[in-house]
Amino acid sequence: MNDTLGHQAGDEFTVILSNIKSKDNMTMVISNILTNMNRAFILLGNKTYISASIASVIFTEDNIGIETLMSNADQAKKSGRNGYYFFNKV
């Protein structure tokens, strides 16, 4: 399986990474995405910045199914803005 990027709706995107082996590996990938997204770019002659909030879920036997994975990501996303957050069962 290859890595996949998809547009969900509005300002929401889904990234599926097939070779993530650990939370540390996921953190490295997320940090790289955020670093690149936080770089200034020129839009209509103006220096512009964007930010991102990333919710992360690692597939386990407990969250089989896309609906459960997306629900868990939504729960993680509620943790804050302009950073990254992991779903954590309480």
C-alpha atoms as a PDB file:
ATOM      1  CA  MET A   1       0.000   0.000   0.000  1.00  0.00           C
ATOM      2  CA  ASN A   2       1.201   3.513  -0.802  1.00  0.00           C
ATOM      3  CA  ASP A   3       0.756   6.658   1.256  1.00  0.00           C
ATOM      4  CA  THR A   4      -2.413   8.549   0.333  1.00  0.00           C
ATOM      5  CA  LEU A   5      -3.619  12.152   0.671  1.00  0.00           C
ATOM      6  CA  GLY A   6      -7.315  12.909   0.290  1.00  0.00           C
ATOM      7  CA  HIS A   7      -9.521  15.966   0.663  1.00  0.00           C
ATOM      8  CA  GLN A   8     -12.376  15.347   3.127  1.00  0.00           C
ATOM      9  CA  ALA A   9     -14.323  18.631   3.048  1.00  0.00           C
ATOM     10  CA  GLY A  10     -13.680  22.327   3.581  1.00  0.00           C
ATOM     11  CA  ASP A  11     -10.281  22.568   5.256  1.00  0.00           C
ATOM     12  CA  GLU A  12     -10.031  18.884   6.239  1.00  0.00           C
ATOM     13  CA  PHE A  13      -7.664  16.409   4.630  1.00  0.00           C
ATOM     14  CA  THR A  14      -6.850  12.790   5.376  1.00  0.00           C
ATOM     15  CA  VAL A  15      -3.369  11.312   5.115  1.00  0.00           C
ATOM     16  CA  ILE A  16      -2.987   7.542   5.213  1.00  0.00           C
ATOM     17  CA  LEU A  17       0.576   6.426   5.920  1.00  0.00           C
ATOM     18  CA  SER A  18       1.174   2.733   5.357  1.00  0.00           C
ATOM     19  CA  ASN A  19       4.589   2.228   6.958  1.00  0.00           C
ATOM     20  CA  ILE A  20       4.220   3.889  10.362  1.00  0.00           C
ATOM     21  CA  LYS A  21       5.641   1.516  12.971  1.00  0.00           C
ATOM     22  CA  SER A  22       5.455   3.623  16.134  1.00  0.00           C
ATOM     23  CA  LYS A  23       4.151   6.803  17.712  1.00  0.00           C
ATOM     24  CA  ASP A  24       7.696   8.237  17.496  1.00  0.00           C
ATOM     25  CA  ASN A  25       7.755   7.583  13.756  1.00  0.00           C
ATOM     26  CA  MET A  26       4.338   9.246  13.416  1.00  0.00           C
ATOM     27  CA  THR A  27       5.537  12.255  15.427  1.00  0.00           C
ATOM     28  CA  MET A  28       8.505  12.701  13.075  1.00  0.00           C
ATOM     29  CA  VAL A  29       6.239  12.678   9.999  1.00  0.00           C
ATOM     30  CA  ILE A  30       3.767  15.105  11.599  1.00  0.00           C
ATOM     31  CA  SER A  31       6.561  17.478  12.664  1.00  0.00           C
ATOM     32  CA  ASN A  32       7.844  17.496   9.085  1.00  0.00           C
ATOM     33  CA  ILE A  33       4.370  18.311   7.721  1.00  0.00           C
ATOM     34  CA  LEU A  34       3.867  21.145  10.241  1.00  0.00           C
ATOM     35  CA  THR A  35       7.325  22.609   9.587  1.00  0.00           C
ATOM     36  CA  ASN A  36       6.608  22.799   5.873  1.00  0.00           C
ATOM     37  CA  MET A  37       3.102  24.164   6.314  1.00  0.00           C
ATOM     38  CA  ASN A  38       4.313  26.933   8.625  1.00  0.00           C
ATOM     39  CA  ARG A  39       6.657  28.362   5.995  1.00  0.00           C
ATOM     40  CA  ALA A  40       5.652  31.684   4.487  1.00  0.00           C
ATOM     41  CA  PHE A  41       4.534  31.744   0.869  1.00  0.00           C
ATOM     42  CA  ILE A  42       3.671  34.542  -1.522  1.00  0.00           C
ATOM     43  CA  LEU A  43       0.006  34.919  -2.475  1.00  0.00           C
ATOM     44  CA  LEU A  44      -0.908  37.785  -4.813  1.00  0.00           C
ATOM     45  CA  GLY A  45       2.311  39.549  -3.883  1.00  0.00           C
ATOM     46  CA  ASN A  46       1.758  39.270  -0.122  1.00  0.00           C
ATOM     47  CA  LYS A  47       3.695  37.147   2.339  1.00  0.00           C
ATOM     48  CA  THR A  48       1.143  34.687   3.728  1.00  0.00           C
ATOM     49  CA  TYR A  49       1.170  32.096   6.493  1.00  0.00           C
ATOM     50  CA  ILE A  50      -1.094  29.168   7.240  1.00  0.00           C
ATOM     51  CA  SER A  51      -1.273  26.826  10.191  1.00  0.00           C
ATOM     52  CA  ALA A  52      -2.516  23.302  10.671  1.00  0.00           C
ATOM     53  CA  SER A  53      -3.967  21.118  13.358  1.00  0.00           C
ATOM     54  CA  ILE A  54      -3.248  17.433  12.919  1.00  0.00           C
ATOM     55  CA  ALA A  55      -5.156  14.666  14.655  1.00  0.00           C
ATOM     56  CA  SER A  56      -3.481  11.277  14.597  1.00  0.00           C
ATOM     57  CA  VAL A  57      -4.829   7.762  14.997  1.00  0.00           C
ATOM     58  CA  ILE A  58      -2.786   4.605  14.634  1.00  0.00           C
ATOM     59  CA  PHE A  59      -4.720   1.585  13.377  1.00  0.00           C
ATOM     60  CA  THR A  60      -5.188  -1.112  16.001  1.00  0.00           C
ATOM     61  CA  GLU A  61      -7.490  -4.101  16.302  1.00  0.00           C
ATOM     62  CA  ASP A  62      -9.730  -1.967  18.583  1.00  0.00           C
ATOM     63  CA  ASN A  63     -10.557   0.620  15.919  1.00  0.00           C
ATOM     64  CA  ILE A  64     -11.265  -1.534  12.892  1.00  0.00           C
ATOM     65  CA  GLY A  65     -13.262   0.335  10.269  1.00  0.00           C
ATOM     66  CA  ILE A  66     -12.976   3.741   8.663  1.00  0.00           C
ATOM     67  CA  GLU A  67     -15.862   5.184  10.694  1.00  0.00           C
ATOM     68  CA  THR A  68     -14.128   4.341  13.972  1.00  0.00           C
ATOM     69  CA  LEU A  69     -10.764   5.662  12.748  1.00  0.00           C
ATOM     70  CA  MET A  70     -12.333   8.957  11.628  1.00  0.00           C
ATOM     71  CA  SER A  71     -14.304   9.269  14.860  1.00  0.00           C
ATOM     72  CA  ASN A  72     -11.120   8.754  16.878  1.00  0.00           C
ATOM     73  CA  ALA A  73      -9.314  11.380  14.770  1.00  0.00           C
ATOM     74  CA  ASP A  74     -12.179  13.828  15.386  1.00  0.00           C
ATOM     75  CA  GLN A  75     -11.833  13.234  19.128  1.00  0.00           C
ATOM     76  CA  ALA A  76      -8.095  13.961  18.951  1.00  0.00           C
ATOM     77  CA  LYS A  77      -8.704  17.083  16.842  1.00  0.00           C
ATOM     78  CA  LYS A  78     -10.832  18.586  19.628  1.00  0.00           C
ATOM     79  CA  SER A  79      -7.668  18.771  21.767  1.00  0.00           C
ATOM     80  CA  GLY A  80      -6.514  22.067  20.289  1.00  0.00           C
ATOM     81  CA  ARG A  81      -5.345  24.072  17.316  1.00  0.00           C
ATOM     82  CA  ASN A  82      -2.077  24.734  15.485  1.00  0.00           C
ATOM     83  CA  GLY A  83      -0.334  21.556  16.625  1.00  0.00           C
ATOM     84  CA  TYR A  84      -0.741  17.813  16.606  1.00  0.00           C
ATOM     85  CA  TYR A  85      -2.756  15.549  18.829  1.00  0.00           C
ATOM     86  CA  PHE A  86      -2.965  11.790  19.216  1.00  0.00           C
ATOM     87  CA  PHE A  87      -6.186   9.941  19.925  1.00  0.00           C
ATOM     88  CA  ASN A  88      -5.886   8.428  23.369  1.00  0.00           C
ATOM     89  CA  LYS A  89      -8.513   6.105  24.815  1.00  0.00           C
ATOM     90  CA  VAL A  90      -9.374   7.137  28.360  1.00  0.00           C
END
